[in-house]
PDB file of N, CA and C in Angstrom:
ATOM      1  N   MET A   1      -8.614  -4.298  16.111  1.00  0.00           N
ATOM      2  CA  MET A   1      -9.644  -3.409  15.503  1.00  0.00           C
ATOM      3  C   MET A   1      -9.100  -2.482  15.019  1.00  0.00           C
ATOM      4  N   LEU A   2      -7.774  -1.737  15.148  1.00  0.00           N
ATOM      5  CA  LEU A   2      -7.277  -0.589  14.471  1.00  0.00           C
ATOM      6  C   LEU A   2      -6.745  -1.401  13.135  1.00  0.00           C
ATOM      7  N   ARG A   3      -6.260  -2.596  13.380  1.00  0.00           N
ATOM      8  CA  ARG A   3      -5.826  -2.951  11.964  1.00  0.00           C
ATOM      9  C   ARG A   3      -6.861  -3.340  10.687  1.00  0.00           C
ATOM     10  N   LEU A   4      -8.106  -3.852  11.250  1.00  0.00           N
ATOM     11  CA  LEU A   4      -9.198  -3.720  10.503  1.00  0.00           C
ATOM     12  C   LEU A   4      -9.611  -2.527   9.948  1.00  0.00           C
ATOM     13  N   GLN A   5      -9.745  -1.357  10.729  1.00  0.00           N
ATOM     14  CA  GLN A   5     -10.329  -0.115  10.249  1.00  0.00           C
ATOM     15  C   GLN A   5      -9.217   0.499   9.240  1.00  0.00           C
ATOM     16  N   ILE A   6      -7.698   0.204   9.362  1.00  0.00           N
ATOM     17  CA  ILE A   6      -6.806   0.595   8.437  1.00  0.00           C
ATOM     18  C   ILE A   6      -7.115  -0.008   7.108  1.00  0.00           C
ATOM     19  N   LYS A   7      -7.001  -1.312   7.199  1.00  0.00           N
ATOM     20  CA  LYS A   7      -7.485  -2.234   6.072  1.00  0.00           C
ATOM     21  C   LYS A   7      -8.763  -1.831   5.332  1.00  0.00           C
ATOM     22  N   SER A   8      -9.610  -1.637   6.090  1.00  0.00           N
ATOM     23  CA  SER A   8     -11.189  -1.053   5.434  1.00  0.00           C
ATOM     24  C   SER A   8     -11.072   0.174   4.639  1.00  0.00           C
ATOM     25  N   ILE A   9      -9.885   1.479   5.306  1.00  0.00           N
ATOM     26  CA  ILE A   9      -9.898   2.724   4.806  1.00  0.00           C
ATOM     27  C   ILE A   9      -9.114   2.450   3.289  1.00  0.00           C
ATOM     28  N   ILE A  10      -7.957   1.775   3.313  1.00  0.00           N
ATOM     29  CA  ILE A  10      -7.241   1.372   2.120  1.00  0.00           C
ATOM     30  C   ILE A  10      -8.169   0.798   1.276  1.00  0.00           C
ATOM     31  N   LYS A  11      -8.867   0.033   1.439  1.00  0.00           N
ATOM     32  CA  LYS A  11      -9.578  -1.008   0.409  1.00  0.00           C
ATOM     33  C   LYS A  11     -10.549  -0.055   0.065  1.00  0.00           C
ATOM     34  N   LYS A  12     -11.436   0.945   0.840  1.00  0.00           N
ATOM     35  CA  LYS A  12     -12.410   1.706   0.223  1.00  0.00           C
ATOM     36  C   LYS A  12     -11.842   2.650  -0.816  1.00  0.00           C
ATOM     37  N   SER A  13     -10.466   2.877  -0.662  1.00  0.00           N
ATOM     38  CA  SER A  13      -9.933   3.913  -1.641  1.00  0.00           C
ATOM     39  C   SER A  13      -9.636   3.011  -2.848  1.00  0.00           C
ATOM     40  N   GLY A  14      -9.969   2.180  -2.866  1.00  0.00           N
ATOM     41  CA  GLY A  14      -9.537   1.177  -4.346  1.00  0.00           C
ATOM     42  C   GLY A  14      -8.240   0.595  -4.181  1.00  0.00           C
ATOM     43  N   LEU A  15      -7.649   0.520  -3.329  1.00  0.00           N
ATOM     44  CA  LEU A  15      -6.124   0.007  -3.389  1.00  0.00           C
ATOM     45  C   LEU A  15      -6.190  -1.125  -2.539  1.00  0.00           C
ATOM     46  N   ALA A  16      -5.142  -1.866  -2.785  1.00  0.00           N
ATOM     47  CA  ALA A  16      -4.948  -3.519  -2.029  1.00  0.00           C
ATOM     48  C   ALA A  16      -4.064  -3.078  -0.578  1.00  0.00           C
ATOM     49  N   ALA A  17      -4.715  -3.531   0.248  1.00  0.00           N
ATOM     50  CA  ALA A  17      -4.213  -3.454   1.769  1.00  0.00           C
ATOM     51  C   ALA A  17      -2.951  -4.083   1.855  1.00  0.00           C
ATOM     52  N   THR A  18      -1.788  -3.657   1.276  1.00  0.00           N
ATOM     53  CA  THR A  18      -0.455  -4.433   1.298  1.00  0.00           C
ATOM     54  C   THR A  18       0.024  -4.183   2.536  1.00  0.00           C
ATOM     55  N   LYS A  19       1.052  -4.814   3.082  1.00  0.00           N
ATOM     56  CA  LYS A  19       1.998  -4.899   4.356  1.00  0.00           C
ATOM     57  C   LYS A  19       2.247  -3.484   4.574  1.00  0.00           C
ATOM     58  N   VAL A  20       3.192  -2.949   3.513  1.00  0.00           N
ATOM     59  CA  VAL A  20       3.461  -1.621   3.664  1.00  0.00           C
ATOM     60  C   VAL A  20       2.497  -0.402   3.758  1.00  0.00           C
ATOM     61  N   ARG A  21       1.619  -0.345   2.924  1.00  0.00           N
ATOM     62  CA  ARG A  21       0.583   0.603   3.052  1.00  0.00           C
ATOM     63  C   ARG A  21      -0.075   0.508   4.334  1.00  0.00           C
ATOM     64  N   VAL A  22      -0.238  -0.630   5.024  1.00  0.00           N
ATOM     65  CA  VAL A  22      -0.978  -0.720   6.550  1.00  0.00           C
ATOM     66  C   VAL A  22      -0.095  -0.263   7.253  1.00  0.00           C
ATOM     67  N   LYS A  23       1.155  -0.692   7.252  1.00  0.00           N
ATOM     68  CA  LYS A  23       2.315  -0.173   7.953  1.00  0.00           C
ATOM     69  C   LYS A  23       2.303   1.681   8.250  1.00  0.00           C
ATOM     70  N   VAL A  24       2.147   2.052   7.028  1.00  0.00           N
ATOM     71  CA  VAL A  24       2.312   3.561   6.747  1.00  0.00           C
ATOM     72  C   VAL A  24       0.883   4.177   7.538  1.00  0.00           C
ATOM     73  N   LEU A  25      -0.099   3.521   7.003  1.00  0.00           N
ATOM     74  CA  LEU A  25      -1.411   4.129   7.583  1.00  0.00           C
ATOM     75  C   LEU A  25      -1.623   4.010   8.883  1.00  0.00           C
ATOM     76  N   ALA A  26      -0.857   2.868   9.650  1.00  0.00           N
ATOM     77  CA  ALA A  26      -0.858   2.508  10.889  1.00  0.00           C
ATOM     78  C   ALA A  26      -0.249   3.802  11.863  1.00  0.00           C
ATOM     79  N   ALA A  27       0.935   4.283  11.043  1.00  0.00           N
ATOM     80  CA  ALA A  27       1.750   5.546  11.800  1.00  0.00           C
ATOM     81  C   ALA A  27       0.749   6.680  11.842  1.00  0.00           C
ATOM     82  N   PHE A  28       0.142   6.958  10.753  1.00  0.00           N
ATOM     83  CA  PHE A  28      -0.711   8.131  10.938  1.00  0.00           C
ATOM     84  C   PHE A  28      -1.954   7.944  11.777  1.00  0.00           C
ATOM     85  N   MET A  29      -2.355   6.758  12.066  1.00  0.00           N
ATOM     86  CA  MET A  29      -3.633   6.538  12.863  1.00  0.00           C
ATOM     87  C   MET A  29      -3.137   6.517  14.046  1.00  0.00           C
ATOM     88  N   LYS A  30      -2.020   6.084  14.667  1.00  0.00           N
ATOM     89  CA  LYS A  30      -1.399   6.256  15.997  1.00  0.00           C
ATOM     90  C   LYS A  30      -0.809   7.634  16.517  1.00  0.00           C
ATOM     91  N   THR A  31      -0.465   8.455  15.551  1.00  0.00           N
ATOM     92  CA  THR A  31      -0.256   9.709  15.942  1.00  0.00           C
ATOM     93  C   THR A  31      -1.222  10.857  15.736  1.00  0.00           C
ATOM     94  N   MET A  32      -1.939  10.499  14.906  1.00  0.00           N
ATOM     95  CA  MET A  32      -3.170  11.387  14.790  1.00  0.00           C
ATOM     96  C   MET A  32      -2.690  12.872  14.629  1.00  0.00           C
ATOM     97  N   LYS A  33      -1.452  13.314  14.132  1.00  0.00           N
ATOM     98  CA  LYS A  33      -1.185  14.649  14.127  1.00  0.00           C
ATOM     99  C   LYS A  33      -0.302  14.852  12.704  1.00  0.00           C
ATOM    100  N   PRO A  34       0.160  16.056  12.182  1.00  0.00           N
ATOM    101  CA  PRO A  34       0.698  15.942  11.109  1.00  0.00           C
ATOM    102  C   PRO A  34       2.276  15.786  11.269  1.00  0.00           C
ATOM    103  N   MET A  35       2.936  15.138  10.203  1.00  0.00           N
ATOM    104  CA  MET A  35       4.223  14.466  10.488  1.00  0.00           C
ATOM    105  C   MET A  35       5.316  15.056   9.266  1.00  0.00           C
ATOM    106  N   THR A  36       6.512  15.146   9.478  1.00  0.00           N
ATOM    107  CA  THR A  36       7.217  15.334   8.303  1.00  0.00           C
ATOM    108  C   THR A  36       7.633  13.956   7.823  1.00  0.00           C
ATOM    109  N   LEU A  37       8.461  13.733   6.811  1.00  0.00           N
ATOM    110  CA  LEU A  37       8.769  12.837   5.972  1.00  0.00           C
ATOM    111  C   LEU A  37       9.940  12.047   7.133  1.00  0.00           C
ATOM    112  N   GLN A  38      10.511  12.888   7.797  1.00  0.00           N
ATOM    113  CA  GLN A  38      11.568  12.242   8.965  1.00  0.00           C
ATOM    114  C   GLN A  38      10.939  11.489  10.038  1.00  0.00           C
ATOM    115  N   THR A  39       9.946  12.155  10.327  1.00  0.00           N
ATOM    116  CA  THR A  39       9.029  11.587  11.480  1.00  0.00           C
ATOM    117  C   THR A  39       8.591  10.163  11.148  1.00  0.00           C
ATOM    118  N   ILE A  40       7.995  10.206   9.887  1.00  0.00           N
ATOM    119  CA  ILE A  40       7.094   8.666   9.310  1.00  0.00           C
ATOM    120  C   ILE A  40       8.446   7.957   8.940  1.00  0.00           C
ATOM    121  N   ASN A  41       9.393   8.406   8.680  1.00  0.00           N
ATOM    122  CA  ASN A  41      10.322   7.451   8.256  1.00  0.00           C
ATOM    123  C   ASN A  41      11.061   6.786   9.599  1.00  0.00           C
ATOM    124  N   LYS A  42      11.045   7.613  10.607  1.00  0.00           N
ATOM    125  CA  LYS A  42      11.333   6.934  12.001  1.00  0.00           C
ATOM    126  C   LYS A  42      10.635   5.905  12.387  1.00  0.00           C
ATOM    127  N   LEU A  43       9.441   6.227  12.484  1.00  0.00           N
ATOM    128  CA  LEU A  43       8.150   5.232  12.932  1.00  0.00           C
ATOM    129  C   LEU A  43       8.237   4.067  12.054  1.00  0.00           C
ATOM    130  N   ILE A  44       8.574   4.382  10.698  1.00  0.00           N
ATOM    131  CA  ILE A  44       8.807   2.883   9.920  1.00  0.00           C
ATOM    132  C   ILE A  44       9.912   2.685   9.523  1.00  0.00           C
ATOM    133  N   ASN A  45      10.879   2.414  10.403  1.00  0.00           N
ATOM    134  CA  ASN A  45      12.365   2.139  10.216  1.00  0.00           C
ATOM    135  C   ASN A  45      12.811   1.239   9.184  1.00  0.00           C
ATOM    136  N   ASP A  46      12.031   0.212   8.776  1.00  0.00           N
ATOM    137  CA  ASP A  46      12.724  -0.569   7.731  1.00  0.00           C
ATOM    138  C   ASP A  46      12.018  -0.338   6.217  1.00  0.00           C
ATOM    139  N   LEU A  47      11.594   0.801   5.935  1.00  0.00           N
ATOM    140  CA  LEU A  47      11.182   1.316   4.464  1.00  0.00           C
ATOM    141  C   LEU A  47      12.271   2.058   3.895  1.00  0.00           C
ATOM    142  N   ASP A  48      12.428   1.664   2.469  1.00  0.00           N
ATOM    143  CA  ASP A  48      13.389   2.838   1.971  1.00  0.00           C
ATOM    144  C   ASP A  48      12.778   3.931   1.580  1.00  0.00           C
ATOM    145  N   ARG A  49      13.064   5.087   1.310  1.00  0.00           N
ATOM    146  CA  ARG A  49      12.808   6.341   0.996  1.00  0.00           C
ATOM    147  C   ARG A  49      11.752   6.267  -0.167  1.00  0.00           C
ATOM    148  N   VAL A  50      12.040   5.885  -1.256  1.00  0.00           N
ATOM    149  CA  VAL A  50      11.373   5.653  -2.560  1.00  0.00           C
ATOM    150  C   VAL A  50      10.146   4.924  -2.143  1.00  0.00           C
ATOM    151  N   THR A  51      10.189   3.876  -1.733  1.00  0.00           N
ATOM    152  CA  THR A  51       8.966   3.023  -1.146  1.00  0.00           C
ATOM    153  C   THR A  51       7.713   4.034  -0.508  1.00  0.00           C
ATOM    154  N   LEU A  52       8.718   4.683   0.251  1.00  0.00           N
ATOM    155  CA  LEU A  52       7.692   5.597   1.385  1.00  0.00           C
ATOM    156  C   LEU A  52       7.325   6.743   0.501  1.00  0.00           C
ATOM    157  N   PHE A  53       7.839   7.367  -0.255  1.00  0.00           N
ATOM    158  CA  PHE A  53       7.412   8.423  -1.268  1.00  0.00           C
ATOM    159  C   PHE A  53       6.165   7.688  -2.084  1.00  0.00           C
ATOM    160  N   ARG A  54       6.216   6.540  -2.507  1.00  0.00           N
ATOM    161  CA  ARG A  54       5.396   6.059  -3.477  1.00  0.00           C
ATOM    162  C   ARG A  54       3.826   5.897  -2.715  1.00  0.00           C
ATOM    163  N   VAL A  55       4.218   5.174  -1.480  1.00  0.00           N
ATOM    164  CA  VAL A  55       2.981   5.256  -0.790  1.00  0.00           C
ATOM    165  C   VAL A  55       2.230   6.439  -0.301  1.00  0.00           C
ATOM    166  N   LEU A  56       3.112   7.464   0.229  1.00  0.00           N
ATOM    167  CA  LEU A  56       2.610   8.666   0.478  1.00  0.00           C
ATOM    168  C   LEU A  56       1.911   9.332  -0.791  1.00  0.00           C
ATOM    169  N   SER A  57       2.415   9.297  -1.998  1.00  0.00           N
ATOM    170  CA  SER A  57       1.913   9.636  -3.089  1.00  0.00           C
ATOM    171  C   SER A  57       0.553   9.320  -3.334  1.00  0.00           C
ATOM    172  N   ILE A  58       0.491   7.847  -3.419  1.00  0.00           N
ATOM    173  CA  ILE A  58      -0.642   7.161  -3.777  1.00  0.00           C
ATOM    174  C   ILE A  58      -1.910   7.637  -2.718  1.00  0.00           C
ATOM    175  N   PHE A  59      -1.441   7.669  -1.389  1.00  0.00           N
ATOM    176  CA  PHE A  59      -2.584   8.189  -0.181  1.00  0.00           C
ATOM    177  C   PHE A  59      -2.900   9.398  -0.322  1.00  0.00           C
ATOM    178  N   GLU A  60      -2.036  10.155  -0.789  1.00  0.00           N
ATOM    179  CA  GLU A  60      -2.482  11.478  -1.224  1.00  0.00           C
ATOM    180  C   GLU A  60      -3.397  11.862  -2.355  1.00  0.00           C
ATOM    181  N   GLU A  61      -3.092  10.890  -3.506  1.00  0.00           N
ATOM    182  CA  GLU A  61      -4.014  10.968  -4.636  1.00  0.00           C
ATOM    183  C   GLU A  61      -5.248  10.368  -4.033  1.00  0.00           C
ATOM    184  N   LYS A  62      -5.329   9.478  -3.360  1.00  0.00           N
ATOM    185  CA  LYS A  62      -6.677   8.771  -2.889  1.00  0.00           C
ATOM    186  C   LYS A  62      -7.478   9.651  -1.833  1.00  0.00           C
ATOM    187  N   LYS A  63      -6.688  10.749  -1.368  1.00  0.00           N
ATOM    188  CA  LYS A  63      -7.448  11.571  -0.430  1.00  0.00           C
ATOM    189  C   LYS A  63      -7.437  10.808   1.070  1.00  0.00           C
ATOM    190  N   ILE A  64      -6.510  10.031   1.070  1.00  0.00           N
ATOM    191  CA  ILE A  64      -6.431   9.469   2.585  1.00  0.00           C
ATOM    192  C   ILE A  64      -5.321  10.267   3.545  1.00  0.00           C
ATOM    193  N   ILE A  65      -4.328  10.846   3.070  1.00  0.00           N
ATOM    194  CA  ILE A  65      -3.608  12.008   3.727  1.00  0.00           C
ATOM    195  C   ILE A  65      -3.664  13.099   2.727  1.00  0.00           C
ATOM    196  N   HIS A  66      -3.207  14.390   3.464  1.00  0.00           N
ATOM    197  CA  HIS A  66      -2.874  15.521   2.421  1.00  0.00           C
ATOM    198  C   HIS A  66      -1.493  16.037   3.029  1.00  0.00           C
ATOM    199  N   SER A  67      -0.974  16.965   2.182  1.00  0.00           N
ATOM    200  CA  SER A  67       0.322  17.716   2.516  1.00  0.00           C
ATOM    201  C   SER A  67       0.269  19.121   2.612  1.00  0.00           C
ATOM    202  N   PHE A  68       0.987  19.765   3.348  1.00  0.00           N
ATOM    203  CA  PHE A  68       0.966  21.179   3.321  1.00  0.00           C
ATOM    204  C   PHE A  68       2.386  21.245   3.968  1.00  0.00           C
ATOM    205  N   ILE A  69       2.822  22.897   3.851  1.00  0.00           N
ATOM    206  CA  ILE A  69       3.904  23.338   4.411  1.00  0.00           C
ATOM    207  C   ILE A  69       3.820  24.068   5.166  1.00  0.00           C
ATOM    208  N   ILE A  70       4.610  23.933   6.578  1.00  0.00           N
ATOM    209  CA  ILE A  70       4.673  24.677   7.714  1.00  0.00           C
ATOM    210  C   ILE A  70       6.057  24.945   8.049  1.00  0.00           C
ATOM    211  N   ASP A  71       6.435  26.294   8.094  1.00  0.00           N
ATOM    212  CA  ASP A  71       8.166  26.495   8.614  1.00  0.00           C
ATOM    213  C   ASP A  71       8.949  25.924   7.578  1.00  0.00           C
ATOM    214  N   GLU A  72       8.590  25.940   6.230  1.00  0.00           N
ATOM    215  CA  GLU A  72       9.541  25.240   5.219  1.00  0.00           C
ATOM    216  C   GLU A  72       9.598  23.837   5.116  1.00  0.00           C
ATOM    217  N   HIS A  73       8.914  23.151   5.893  1.00  0.00           N
ATOM    218  CA  HIS A  73       9.034  21.644   6.218  1.00  0.00           C
ATOM    219  C   HIS A  73       7.523  21.375   5.308  1.00  0.00           C
ATOM    220  N   LYS A  74       7.625  20.380   4.710  1.00  0.00           N
ATOM    221  CA  LYS A  74       6.606  19.702   4.243  1.00  0.00           C
ATOM    222  C   LYS A  74       5.908  18.490   5.282  1.00  0.00           C
ATOM    223  N   ARG A  75       4.627  18.748   5.693  1.00  0.00           N
ATOM    224  CA  ARG A  75       3.877  17.834   6.240  1.00  0.00           C
ATOM    225  C   ARG A  75       2.932  16.922   5.894  1.00  0.00           C
ATOM    226  N   TYR A  76       2.728  15.844   6.445  1.00  0.00           N
ATOM    227  CA  TYR A  76       1.361  14.910   5.946  1.00  0.00           C
ATOM    228  C   TYR A  76       0.592  14.793   7.030  1.00  0.00           C
ATOM    229  N   ALA A  77      -0.720  14.814   6.978  1.00  0.00           N
ATOM    230  CA  ALA A  77      -1.832  14.641   7.969  1.00  0.00           C
ATOM    231  C   ALA A  77      -2.596  13.537   7.485  1.00  0.00           C
ATOM    232  N   LEU A  78      -3.294  12.907   8.279  1.00  0.00           N
ATOM    233  CA  LEU A  78      -4.340  12.122   7.788  1.00  0.00           C
ATOM    234  C   LEU A  78      -5.618  12.836   7.452  1.00  0.00           C
ATOM    235  N   CYS A  79      -6.309  12.604   6.433  1.00  0.00           N
ATOM    236  CA  CYS A  79      -7.585  13.510   6.110  1.00  0.00           C
ATOM    237  C   CYS A  79      -8.993  12.916   6.950  1.00  0.00           C
ATOM    238  N   SER A  80      -9.580  13.674   7.386  1.00  0.00           N
ATOM    239  CA  SER A  80     -10.957  13.706   8.228  1.00  0.00           C
ATOM    240  C   SER A  80     -11.900  13.711   7.405  1.00  0.00           C
ATOM    241  N   TYR A  81     -13.144  13.520   7.787  1.00  0.00           N
ATOM    242  CA  TYR A  81     -14.294  13.895   6.962  1.00  0.00           C
ATOM    243  C   TYR A  81     -14.499  15.129   6.850  1.00  0.00           C
ATOM    244  N   GLU A  82     -13.883  16.056   7.762  1.00  0.00           N
ATOM    245  CA  GLU A  82     -14.060  17.578   7.447  1.00  0.00           C
ATOM    246  C   GLU A  82     -13.117  18.040   6.395  1.00  0.00           C
ATOM    247  N   CYS A  83     -12.070  17.303   5.961  1.00  0.00           N
ATOM    248  CA  CYS A  83     -11.095  17.669   5.219  1.00  0.00           C
ATOM    249  C   CYS A  83     -11.676  17.919   3.609  1.00  0.00           C
ATOM    250  N   ASN A  84     -11.265  19.166   3.113  1.00  0.00           N
ATOM    251  CA  ASN A  84     -11.890  19.441   2.061  1.00  0.00           C
ATOM    252  C   ASN A  84     -11.094  18.961   0.758  1.00  0.00           C
ATOM    253  N   ASP A  85     -11.641  19.259  -0.159  1.00  0.00           N
ATOM    254  CA  ASP A  85     -11.079  18.488  -1.457  1.00  0.00           C
ATOM    255  C   ASP A  85      -9.812  19.394  -2.071  1.00  0.00           C
ATOM    256  N   GLN A  86      -9.321  20.265  -1.385  1.00  0.00           N
ATOM    257  CA  GLN A  86      -8.211  21.186  -1.762  1.00  0.00           C
ATOM    258  C   GLN A  86      -6.946  20.629  -1.593  1.00  0.00           C
ATOM    259  N   HIS A  87      -6.625  19.314  -1.937  1.00  0.00           N
ATOM    260  CA  HIS A  87      -5.282  18.802  -1.470  1.00  0.00           C
ATOM    261  C   HIS A  87      -4.203  19.159  -2.203  1.00  0.00           C
ATOM    262  N   ASN A  88      -3.075  19.713  -1.673  1.00  0.00           N
ATOM    263  CA  ASN A  88      -1.830  20.124  -2.371  1.00  0.00           C
ATOM    264  C   ASN A  88      -1.051  19.007  -2.527  1.00  0.00           C
TER     265      ASN A  88
END
């Protein structure tokens, strides 16, 4: 069920539901809390940093996730329906 929901979110954003994108979004869906790049990297340990940055960037552009700074650390969080359009 979760996998179908993840693929649906990705496809509704106009993206292909690649294996890597599904994996990254699954990490967000499972934790449901803001994460640092290091935390995401640990959850998806077989991904190189460049690929992870690309996926996070496209997800942020498509408003699937957003980023913000807390305690000098950039964090990424899943956007919800209440999420506003002021993505940084």
